[in-house]
């Protein structure tokens, strides 16, 4: 998954502390925050990237020779600054 702040940044912003110094309960809160900030999901096995904003649709292919076109949430990743920085 990508596009979220690091746990270090979230811990500092939320609790004013180093992540490593937080108790387990607070670390879980930081992980939850990070999970909800993710903007895309990496499918390493199939070498695909999908938006974290699921369209929950299977996109029809134009023909069997062409790959399916991306849905709008996935297509919008191409204009996402954090995503563009990650793929360069």
Protein backbone atom coordinates (compact mmCIF):
# COMPACT_ATOMS: atom_id res chain seq x y z
CA UNK A 1 0.00 0.00 0.00
CA UNK A 2 1.19 3.49 -0.58
CA UNK A 3 0.54 7.18 -0.34
CA UNK A 4 0.27 7.38 3.45
CA UNK A 5 2.46 9.19 5.96
CA UNK A 6 5.09 7.08 7.70
CA UNK A 7 4.36 5.80 11.21
CA UNK A 8 7.13 8.11 12.43
CA UNK A 9 5.35 11.20 11.08
CA UNK A 10 1.92 10.11 12.32
CA UNK A 11 3.24 9.36 15.83
CA UNK A 12 4.93 12.76 16.01
CA UNK A 13 1.83 14.63 14.76
CA UNK A 14 -0.71 12.70 16.84
CA UNK A 15 1.19 12.08 20.06
CA UNK A 16 4.29 14.30 19.90
CA UNK A 17 6.46 11.26 20.45
CA UNK A 18 8.73 8.85 18.64
CA UNK A 19 6.86 5.82 17.30
CA UNK A 20 9.34 3.48 19.01
CA UNK A 21 8.52 5.04 22.40
CA UNK A 22 4.74 4.54 22.13
CA UNK A 23 2.87 1.86 24.05
CA UNK A 24 1.30 -0.97 22.02
CA UNK A 25 -2.20 0.56 22.18
CA UNK A 26 -0.99 3.86 20.72
CA UNK A 27 1.10 2.09 18.06
CA UNK A 28 -2.07 0.31 16.93
CA UNK A 29 -3.79 3.69 16.63
CA UNK A 30 -0.91 4.94 14.48
CA UNK A 31 -1.16 1.86 12.23
CA UNK A 32 -4.92 2.40 11.91
CA UNK A 33 -4.37 6.02 10.91
CA UNK A 34 -1.77 4.99 8.35
CA UNK A 35 -4.09 2.33 6.91
CA UNK A 36 -6.83 4.90 6.34
CA UNK A 37 -4.41 7.29 4.64
CA UNK A 38 -3.32 4.79 1.99
CA UNK A 39 -4.14 5.99 -1.50
CA UNK A 40 -3.18 2.92 -3.50
CA UNK A 41 -2.60 -0.80 -3.14
CA UNK A 42 0.24 -2.71 -4.76
CA UNK A 43 -0.40 -6.18 -6.19
CA UNK A 44 3.20 -7.37 -6.41
CA UNK A 45 2.33 -10.87 -7.64
CA UNK A 46 0.54 -9.53 -10.72
CA UNK A 47 2.54 -6.29 -11.05
CA UNK A 48 -0.58 -4.10 -10.74
CA UNK A 49 -1.45 -1.01 -8.74
CA UNK A 50 -5.02 -0.19 -7.72
CA UNK A 51 -6.58 2.83 -6.08
CA UNK A 52 -7.46 2.37 -2.40
CA UNK A 53 -10.81 3.91 -3.37
CA UNK A 54 -12.33 0.71 -4.68
CA UNK A 55 -14.79 0.95 -7.53
CA UNK A 56 -15.81 -2.67 -6.79
CA UNK A 57 -16.36 -3.38 -10.46
CA UNK A 58 -14.82 -5.73 -12.94
CA UNK A 59 -14.02 -3.62 -15.97
CA UNK A 60 -15.03 -5.13 -19.30
CA UNK A 61 -12.34 -5.54 -21.90
CA UNK A 62 -12.74 -3.94 -25.33
CA UNK A 63 -11.39 -7.08 -26.98
CA UNK A 64 -9.58 -10.19 -25.85
CA UNK A 65 -6.32 -8.79 -27.23
CA UNK A 66 -6.43 -5.50 -25.30
CA UNK A 67 -6.08 -5.11 -21.53
CA UNK A 68 -9.08 -3.61 -19.70
CA UNK A 69 -9.14 0.15 -19.25
CA UNK A 70 -8.70 1.41 -15.67
CA UNK A 71 -11.68 2.58 -13.62
CA UNK A 72 -11.82 6.28 -12.68
CA UNK A 73 -10.32 5.89 -9.15
CA UNK A 74 -7.38 3.94 -10.59
CA UNK A 75 -6.97 6.37 -13.48
CA UNK A 76 -6.92 9.29 -11.05
CA UNK A 77 -3.72 7.90 -9.48
CA UNK A 78 -1.89 9.16 -12.56
CA UNK A 79 -2.47 12.74 -11.34
CA UNK A 80 -1.67 11.97 -7.67
CA UNK A 81 1.58 13.73 -6.70
CA UNK A 82 2.61 11.11 -4.11
CA UNK A 83 1.97 8.31 -6.60
CA UNK A 84 3.93 10.05 -9.36
CA UNK A 85 6.85 10.54 -6.96
CA UNK A 86 6.72 6.86 -5.94
CA UNK A 87 6.90 5.53 -9.49
CA UNK A 88 9.81 7.72 -10.59
